[in-house]
PDB file of N, CA and C in Angstrom:
ATOM      1  N   MET A   1     117.608 151.723  95.474  1.00  0.00           N
ATOM      2  CA  MET A   1     118.270 150.734  96.280  1.00  0.00           C
ATOM      3  C   MET A   1     118.821 149.655  95.358  1.00  0.00           C
ATOM      4  N   LYS A   2     119.943 149.093  95.726  1.00  0.00           N
ATOM      5  CA  LYS A   2     120.540 148.022  94.932  1.00  0.00           C
ATOM      6  C   LYS A   2     120.072 146.660  95.449  1.00  0.00           C
ATOM      7  N   ILE A   3     119.619 145.829  94.506  1.00  0.00           N
ATOM      8  CA  ILE A   3     119.231 144.453  94.807  1.00  0.00           C
ATOM      9  C   ILE A   3     119.891 143.562  93.756  1.00  0.00           C
ATOM     10  N   THR A   4     119.802 142.268  93.959  1.00  0.00           N
ATOM     11  CA  THR A   4     120.254 141.330  92.941  1.00  0.00           C
ATOM     12  C   THR A   4     119.033 140.568  92.450  1.00  0.00           C
ATOM     13  N   LEU A   5     118.765 140.652  91.163  1.00  0.00           N
ATOM     14  CA  LEU A   5     117.617 139.985  90.547  1.00  0.00           C
ATOM     15  C   LEU A   5     118.130 138.872  89.653  1.00  0.00           C
ATOM     16  N   ASN A   6     117.817 137.644  90.010  1.00  0.00           N
ATOM     17  CA  ASN A   6     118.245 136.472  89.233  1.00  0.00           C
ATOM     18  C   ASN A   6     119.747 136.531  88.922  1.00  0.00           C
ATOM     19  N   GLY A   7     120.534 136.925  89.933  1.00  0.00           N
ATOM     20  CA  GLY A   7     121.979 136.939  89.794  1.00  0.00           C
ATOM     21  C   GLY A   7     122.572 138.193  89.178  1.00  0.00           C
ATOM     22  N   VAL A   8     121.732 139.177  88.827  1.00  0.00           N
ATOM     23  CA  VAL A   8     122.204 140.412  88.197  1.00  0.00           C
ATOM     24  C   VAL A   8     121.887 141.594  89.107  1.00  0.00           C
ATOM     25  N   GLU A   9     122.891 142.397  89.422  1.00  0.00           N
ATOM     26  CA  GLU A   9     122.663 143.565  90.265  1.00  0.00           C
ATOM     27  C   GLU A   9     121.808 144.588  89.524  1.00  0.00           C
ATOM     28  N   ARG A  10     120.804 145.103  90.229  1.00  0.00           N
ATOM     29  CA  ARG A  10     119.878 146.096  89.649  1.00  0.00           C
ATOM     30  C   ARG A  10     119.648 147.212  90.652  1.00  0.00           C
ATOM     31  N   GLU A  11     119.261 148.340  90.135  1.00  0.00           N
ATOM     32  CA  GLU A  11     118.892 149.489  90.965  1.00  0.00           C
ATOM     33  C   GLU A  11     117.387 149.678  90.833  1.00  0.00           C
ATOM     34  N   ILE A  12     116.677 149.755  91.975  1.00  0.00           N
ATOM     35  CA  ILE A  12     115.226 149.934  91.951  1.00  0.00           C
ATOM     36  C   ILE A  12     114.833 151.082  92.879  1.00  0.00           C
ATOM     37  N   ALA A  13     113.658 151.643  92.637  1.00  0.00           N
ATOM     38  CA  ALA A  13     113.137 152.726  93.472  1.00  0.00           C
ATOM     39  C   ALA A  13     112.164 152.204  94.523  1.00  0.00           C
ATOM     40  N   GLU A  14     111.436 151.155  94.191  1.00  0.00           N
ATOM     41  CA  GLU A  14     110.387 150.640  95.078  1.00  0.00           C
ATOM     42  C   GLU A  14     110.968 149.871  96.256  1.00  0.00           C
ATOM     43  N   SER A  15     110.251 149.887  97.394  1.00  0.00           N
ATOM     44  CA  SER A  15     110.742 149.205  98.587  1.00  0.00           C
ATOM     45  C   SER A  15     109.889 148.007  99.005  1.00  0.00           C
ATOM     46  N   ARG A  16     108.811 147.733  98.297  1.00  0.00           N
ATOM     47  CA  ARG A  16     107.971 146.553  98.564  1.00  0.00           C
ATOM     48  C   ARG A  16     108.095 145.602  97.383  1.00  0.00           C
ATOM     49  N   LEU A  17     108.075 144.313  97.662  1.00  0.00           N
ATOM     50  CA  LEU A  17     108.299 143.322  96.618  1.00  0.00           C
ATOM     51  C   LEU A  17     107.308 143.457  95.465  1.00  0.00           C
ATOM     52  N   GLU A  18     106.031 143.570  95.752  1.00  0.00           N
ATOM     53  CA  GLU A  18     105.015 143.646  94.691  1.00  0.00           C
ATOM     54  C   GLU A  18     105.286 144.812  93.744  1.00  0.00           C
ATOM     55  N   GLN A  19     105.545 145.986  94.301  1.00  0.00           N
ATOM     56  CA  GLN A  19     105.804 147.164  93.475  1.00  0.00           C
ATOM     57  C   GLN A  19     107.135 147.039  92.732  1.00  0.00           C
ATOM     58  N   ALA A  20     108.135 146.457  93.370  1.00  0.00           N
ATOM     59  CA  ALA A  20     109.431 146.263  92.715  1.00  0.00           C
ATOM     60  C   ALA A  20     109.292 145.327  91.512  1.00  0.00           C
ATOM     61  N   LEU A  21     108.487 144.296  91.644  1.00  0.00           N
ATOM     62  CA  LEU A  21     108.266 143.378  90.524  1.00  0.00           C
ATOM     63  C   LEU A  21     107.637 144.113  89.344  1.00  0.00           C
ATOM     64  N   ARG A  22     106.690 144.982  89.626  1.00  0.00           N
ATOM     65  CA  ARG A  22     106.078 145.785  88.546  1.00  0.00           C
ATOM     66  C   ARG A  22     107.107 146.714  87.912  1.00  0.00           C
ATOM     67  N   GLU A  23     107.911 147.364  88.757  1.00  0.00           N
ATOM     68  CA  GLU A  23     108.957 148.255  88.250  1.00  0.00           C
ATOM     69  C   GLU A  23     109.927 147.501  87.336  1.00  0.00           C
ATOM     70  N   LEU A  24     110.190 146.249  87.669  1.00  0.00           N
ATOM     71  CA  LEU A  24     111.136 145.425  86.904  1.00  0.00           C
ATOM     72  C   LEU A  24     110.495 144.743  85.696  1.00  0.00           C
ATOM     73  N   GLY A  25     109.189 144.966  85.486  1.00  0.00           N
ATOM     74  CA  GLY A  25     108.526 144.442  84.296  1.00  0.00           C
ATOM     75  C   GLY A  25     107.839 143.105  84.464  1.00  0.00           C
ATOM     76  N   TYR A  26     107.659 142.667  85.698  1.00  0.00           N
ATOM     77  CA  TYR A  26     106.992 141.382  85.945  1.00  0.00           C
ATOM     78  C   TYR A  26     105.534 141.600  86.323  1.00  0.00           C
ATOM     79  N   CYS A  27     104.746 142.173  85.414  1.00  0.00           N
ATOM     80  CA  CYS A  27     103.349 142.442  85.729  1.00  0.00           C
ATOM     81  C   CYS A  27     102.388 141.537  84.962  1.00  0.00           C
ATOM     82  N   ASP A  28     102.883 140.750  84.019  1.00  0.00           N
ATOM     83  CA  ASP A  28     102.023 139.860  83.237  1.00  0.00           C
ATOM     84  C   ASP A  28     102.389 138.409  83.516  1.00  0.00           C
ATOM     85  N   GLY A  29     101.373 137.587  83.629  1.00  0.00           N
ATOM     86  CA  GLY A  29     101.593 136.155  83.750  1.00  0.00           C
ATOM     87  C   GLY A  29     102.002 135.705  85.136  1.00  0.00           C
ATOM     88  N   PRO A  30     101.898 134.404  85.366  1.00  0.00           N
ATOM     89  CA  PRO A  30     102.238 133.843  86.677  1.00  0.00           C
ATOM     90  C   PRO A  30     103.754 133.743  86.860  1.00  0.00           C
ATOM     91  N   ILE A  31     104.195 134.034  88.078  1.00  0.00           N
ATOM     92  CA  ILE A  31     105.607 133.894  88.421  1.00  0.00           C
ATOM     93  C   ILE A  31     105.717 133.349  89.846  1.00  0.00           C
ATOM     94  N   ALA A  32     106.854 132.783  90.161  1.00  0.00           N
ATOM     95  CA  ALA A  32     107.190 132.392  91.528  1.00  0.00           C
ATOM     96  C   ALA A  32     108.316 133.308  91.981  1.00  0.00           C
ATOM     97  N   THR A  33     108.287 133.677  93.264  1.00  0.00           N
ATOM     98  CA  THR A  33     109.291 134.610  93.764  1.00  0.00           C
ATOM     99  C   THR A  33     109.924 134.098  95.056  1.00  0.00           C
ATOM    100  N   ALA A  34     111.180 134.497  95.252  1.00  0.00           N
ATOM    101  CA  ALA A  34     111.885 134.223  96.499  1.00  0.00           C
ATOM    102  C   ALA A  34     112.732 135.455  96.822  1.00  0.00           C
ATOM    103  N   VAL A  35     112.851 135.745  98.104  1.00  0.00           N
ATOM    104  CA  VAL A  35     113.711 136.828  98.566  1.00  0.00           C
ATOM    105  C   VAL A  35     114.701 136.229  99.551  1.00  0.00           C
ATOM    106  N   ASN A  36     115.974 136.380  99.236  1.00  0.00           N
ATOM    107  CA  ASN A  36     117.049 135.837 100.068  1.00  0.00           C
ATOM    108  C   ASN A  36     116.862 134.346 100.343  1.00  0.00           C
ATOM    109  N   GLY A  37     116.440 133.625  99.314  1.00  0.00           N
ATOM    110  CA  GLY A  37     116.298 132.173  99.403  1.00  0.00           C
ATOM    111  C   GLY A  37     115.002 131.677 100.008  1.00  0.00           C
ATOM    112  N   GLN A  38     114.123 132.582 100.411  1.00  0.00           N
ATOM    113  CA  GLN A  38     112.841 132.196 101.014  1.00  0.00           C
ATOM    114  C   GLN A  38     111.702 132.430 100.027  1.00  0.00           C
ATOM    115  N   PHE A  39     110.953 131.361  99.727  1.00  0.00           N
ATOM    116  CA  PHE A  39     109.797 131.468  98.834  1.00  0.00           C
ATOM    117  C   PHE A  39     108.809 132.486  99.394  1.00  0.00           C
ATOM    118  N   VAL A  40     108.262 133.329  98.508  1.00  0.00           N
ATOM    119  CA  VAL A  40     107.258 134.320  98.897  1.00  0.00           C
ATOM    120  C   VAL A  40     105.997 134.064  98.081  1.00  0.00           C
ATOM    121  N   PRO A  41     104.915 133.595  98.729  1.00  0.00           N
ATOM    122  CA  PRO A  41     103.649 133.395  98.020  1.00  0.00           C
ATOM    123  C   PRO A  41     103.109 134.717  97.481  1.00  0.00           C
ATOM    124  N   LYS A  42     102.367 134.637  96.395  1.00  0.00           N
ATOM    125  CA  LYS A  42     101.812 135.827  95.746  1.00  0.00           C
ATOM    126  C   LYS A  42     101.051 136.715  96.727  1.00  0.00           C
ATOM    127  N   LYS A  43     100.258 136.125  97.600  1.00  0.00           N
ATOM    128  CA  LYS A  43      99.441 136.901  98.539  1.00  0.00           C
ATOM    129  C   LYS A  43     100.278 137.683  99.551  1.00  0.00           C
ATOM    130  N   GLN A  44     101.545 137.323  99.725  1.00  0.00           N
ATOM    131  CA  GLN A  44     102.390 138.000 100.709  1.00  0.00           C
ATOM    132  C   GLN A  44     103.328 139.038 100.094  1.00  0.00           C
ATOM    133  N   ARG A  45     103.328 139.168  98.784  1.00  0.00           N
ATOM    134  CA  ARG A  45     104.281 140.071  98.124  1.00  0.00           C
ATOM    135  C   ARG A  45     104.115 141.531  98.536  1.00  0.00           C
ATOM    136  N   LEU A  46     102.887 141.967  98.831  1.00  0.00           N
ATOM    137  CA  LEU A  46     102.669 143.354  99.265  1.00  0.00           C
ATOM    138  C   LEU A  46     103.245 143.604 100.653  1.00  0.00           C
ATOM    139  N   GLU A  47     103.368 142.551 101.453  1.00  0.00           N
ATOM    140  CA  GLU A  47     103.839 142.679 102.828  1.00  0.00           C
ATOM    141  C   GLU A  47     105.363 142.688 102.943  1.00  0.00           C
ATOM    142  N   ILE A  48     106.058 142.216 101.919  1.00  0.00           N
ATOM    143  CA  ILE A  48     107.508 142.043 102.008  1.00  0.00           C
ATOM    144  C   ILE A  48     108.233 143.356 101.702  1.00  0.00           C
ATOM    145  N   ALA A  49     108.920 143.885 102.708  1.00  0.00           N
ATOM    146  CA  ALA A  49     109.746 145.073 102.528  1.00  0.00           C
ATOM    147  C   ALA A  49     111.136 144.635 102.076  1.00  0.00           C
ATOM    148  N   LEU A  50     111.648 145.311 101.069  1.00  0.00           N
ATOM    149  CA  LEU A  50     112.975 144.991 100.557  1.00  0.00           C
ATOM    150  C   LEU A  50     114.022 145.873 101.224  1.00  0.00           C
ATOM    151  N   ASN A  51     115.231 145.334 101.305  1.00  0.00           N
ATOM    152  CA  ASN A  51     116.362 146.057 101.879  1.00  0.00           C
ATOM    153  C   ASN A  51     117.514 146.070 100.897  1.00  0.00           C
ATOM    154  N   GLU A  52     118.382 147.046 101.051  1.00  0.00           N
ATOM    155  CA  GLU A  52     119.589 147.143 100.239  1.00  0.00           C
ATOM    156  C   GLU A  52     120.322 145.790 100.242  1.00  0.00           C
ATOM    157  N   GLY A  53     120.656 145.304  99.048  1.00  0.00           N
ATOM    158  CA  GLY A  53     121.423 144.068  98.927  1.00  0.00           C
ATOM    159  C   GLY A  53     120.599 142.785  98.890  1.00  0.00           C
ATOM    160  N   ASP A  54     119.271 142.884  99.003  1.00  0.00           N
ATOM    161  CA  ASP A  54     118.447 141.671  98.954  1.00  0.00           C
ATOM    162  C   ASP A  54     118.618 140.954  97.625  1.00  0.00           C
ATOM    163  N   ARG A  55     118.475 139.628  97.678  1.00  0.00           N
ATOM    164  CA  ARG A  55     118.530 138.792  96.479  1.00  0.00           C
ATOM    165  C   ARG A  55     117.118 138.339  96.143  1.00  0.00           C
ATOM    166  N   ILE A  56     116.643 138.713  94.967  1.00  0.00           N
ATOM    167  CA  ILE A  56     115.309 138.335  94.507  1.00  0.00           C
ATOM    168  C   ILE A  56     115.455 137.362  93.352  1.00  0.00           C
ATOM    169  N   GLU A  57     114.730 136.259  93.444  1.00  0.00           N
ATOM    170  CA  GLU A  57     114.686 135.287  92.355  1.00  0.00           C
ATOM    171  C   GLU A  57     113.268 135.265  91.812  1.00  0.00           C
ATOM    172  N   VAL A  58     113.145 135.334  90.498  1.00  0.00           N
ATOM    173  CA  VAL A  58     111.847 135.282  89.829  1.00  0.00           C
ATOM    174  C   VAL A  58     111.910 134.171  88.788  1.00  0.00           C
ATOM    175  N   VAL A  59     110.928 133.270  88.859  1.00  0.00           N
ATOM    176  CA  VAL A  59     110.863 132.154  87.923  1.00  0.00           C
ATOM    177  C   VAL A  59     109.491 132.153  87.274  1.00  0.00           C
ATOM    178  N   ALA A  60     109.453 132.083  85.949  1.00  0.00           N
ATOM    179  CA  ALA A  60     108.195 132.005  85.217  1.00  0.00           C
ATOM    180  C   ALA A  60     108.067 130.593  84.637  1.00  0.00           C
ATOM    181  N   PRO A  61     106.871 129.990  84.709  1.00  0.00           N
ATOM    182  CA  PRO A  61     106.696 128.655  84.142  1.00  0.00           C
ATOM    183  C   PRO A  61     106.874 128.675  82.636  1.00  0.00           C
ATOM    184  N   MET A  62     107.414 127.582  82.111  1.00  0.00           N
ATOM    185  CA  MET A  62     107.620 127.463  80.668  1.00  0.00           C
ATOM    186  C   MET A  62     106.936 126.189  80.174  1.00  0.00           C
ATOM    187  N   GLN A  63     106.397 126.256  78.967  1.00  0.00           N
ATOM    188  CA  GLN A  63     105.791 125.067  78.369  1.00  0.00           C
ATOM    189  C   GLN A  63     106.824 124.359  77.520  1.00  0.00           C
ATOM    190  N   GLY A  64     106.573 123.115  77.300  1.00  0.00           N
ATOM    191  CA  GLY A  64     107.496 122.337  76.460  1.00  0.00           C
ATOM    192  C   GLY A  64     107.791 121.016  77.140  1.00  0.00           C
ATOM    193  N   GLY A  65     108.709 120.329  76.568  1.00  0.00           N
ATOM    194  CA  GLY A  65     109.010 119.073  77.232  1.00  0.00           C
ATOM    195  C   GLY A  65     109.931 118.208  76.502  1.00  0.00           C
TER     196      GLY A  65
END
């Protein structure tokens, strides 16, 4: 299925957010996620079904200042 990840079109096989994040390489460290502009808490990622054309945003915290 085609989705947009952080503004870049990608093709994924998984249909649930949690599994799609793993497929895309986001399995280490804390991240924040949103699907179609709606924040998705970590505990709800397994429940979120993805659809063709969904927009996923992934943000990882950075240190510095």
